Amino acid sequence: MKTLVICSGGLDSVSLAHMIADQQTLTRLVSFDYGQRHRKELDFAARCAARLNVPHHVIDMRNIGAALTGSALTDDIDVPDGHYAEETMKITVVPNRNAIMLTIAYGIAAANGDEAVATAVHGGDHFIYPDCRPAFTESFDTMQRAALDGYADVRLSTPFVHRSKADIVTEGAKVDTPFADTWSCYKGGQHHCGRCGTCVERREAFDLAGIADPTTYEDPDFWKAAVKAAEAR
């Protein structure tokens, strides 16, 4: 099944791209510049596309992102430290981000004869990101099938929507995903900060998967306290 992958340049989406490439069904990567705090992650997406020898479409959504105010990922608001299970992490929500990106990706897939749009949303995203939950992805797929009825047959592939980030690390390792060549941190420094929600989740995922984490963190041990604090909620 010819598959387009939405790729941010992060661990999850790069792993998914490598998994689908291993199945020899990857057609292209699509990334989005929505005015996020830094574009560093897009460089990692570009490197992934080059490595897998597929086209890379970068969609300029900066004008749209400017209207989606109130998120620490797009506004001048400090990115909170801690685990995603903390209420404070809701400030990282960009309203309807995935719905908008998926709509564009479906259009690109239909225009190019692709049969699936794959996204690496996973079970750990459910707490704070409503457009990563199964209820959303299932409904969205139904809506898009109606939107393209009679023109194209494109399905949504979400292989990790009921699984964990540790599962992504495990499956990504099986296809030799170069984890060191992915970027997750929301702060965009020289190295991963080790303290923001996505850094904590990343570090925890490697630990749970029992796979060595090649990432350099500014604060490599913060994740332990963050996980304990989340578990004590």
Foldseek 3Di string as FASTA:
>chain_A
DQEEEAAQLALQRLLVQLLVVVVVRYAEYEYEPQQFPDSVSVVLVVVSCVVSVHYYHYYYNPVVSVVQDQAVGHDVDDFAFFAPLDPVNLSHERPCVVVVVVVVVLVVCLVVVGAEYEYAQACSPVNRYVCSAPVNQVVSQVVVCVVCPPRHHYGYHHPHSHHAVLVSVLSSVVSPRPNQSGDFASVPDPFRACTGHRNLRVLVSCVVNVHDHPGDHVDNPNSVVRVVVSVVD
